[in-house]
């Protein structure tokens, strides 16, 4: 479960996680690893949606 915090360091950490996932998806797409890109894209969307609901 993802917990949100008003701590600036935690917010920065959460932003960094989302950026890393996004970059990984883009890299996988550029290298024609579509299946892997799709899986990581789902992970990113799940992470983002759970982060917003809490």
Protein backbone atom coordinates (compact mmCIF):
# COMPACT_ATOMS: atom_id res chain seq x y z
CA UNK A 1 0.00 0.00 0.00
CA UNK A 2 1.28 3.44 -0.91
CA UNK A 3 1.12 6.03 1.83
CA UNK A 4 1.21 9.71 1.05
CA UNK A 5 2.80 12.32 3.22
CA UNK A 6 3.07 16.08 3.34
CA UNK A 7 6.81 15.68 3.99
CA UNK A 8 8.65 17.44 1.13
CA UNK A 9 11.26 14.68 0.94
CA UNK A 10 8.57 12.02 0.59
CA UNK A 11 6.80 14.00 -2.12
CA UNK A 12 10.05 14.31 -4.03
CA UNK A 13 10.66 10.57 -3.63
CA UNK A 14 7.20 9.78 -5.02
CA UNK A 15 7.80 12.08 -7.99
CA UNK A 16 11.12 10.38 -8.65
CA UNK A 17 9.54 6.93 -8.62
CA UNK A 18 6.97 8.05 -11.19
CA UNK A 19 9.71 9.61 -13.36
CA UNK A 20 11.80 6.44 -13.25
CA UNK A 21 8.84 4.31 -14.26
CA UNK A 22 7.97 6.71 -17.09
CA UNK A 23 11.55 6.73 -18.39
CA UNK A 24 11.69 2.95 -18.28
CA UNK A 25 8.52 2.70 -20.37
CA UNK A 26 9.96 5.10 -22.95
CA UNK A 27 13.25 3.20 -23.07
CA UNK A 28 11.50 -0.14 -23.54
CA UNK A 29 9.41 1.31 -26.38
CA UNK A 30 12.50 2.77 -28.11
CA UNK A 31 14.23 -0.61 -27.92
CA UNK A 32 11.17 -2.47 -29.24
CA UNK A 33 10.48 -4.26 -25.98
CA UNK A 34 6.76 -3.65 -26.27
CA UNK A 35 5.65 -6.39 -23.87
CA UNK A 36 7.93 -5.07 -21.15
CA UNK A 37 6.89 -1.49 -21.89
CA UNK A 38 3.21 -2.44 -21.56
CA UNK A 39 3.81 -4.14 -18.21
CA UNK A 40 5.77 -1.19 -16.80
CA UNK A 41 3.16 1.21 -18.16
CA UNK A 42 0.49 -0.67 -16.20
CA UNK A 43 2.68 -0.48 -13.09
CA UNK A 44 3.07 3.28 -13.59
CA UNK A 45 -0.67 3.78 -14.03
CA UNK A 46 -1.43 1.67 -10.96
CA UNK A 47 1.14 3.56 -8.90
CA UNK A 48 -0.24 6.90 -10.05
CA UNK A 49 -3.87 6.00 -9.43
CA UNK A 50 -3.21 4.61 -5.95
CA UNK A 51 -1.14 7.63 -5.06
CA UNK A 52 -4.06 9.89 -6.03
CA UNK A 53 -6.71 7.95 -4.08
CA UNK A 54 -4.91 8.22 -0.78
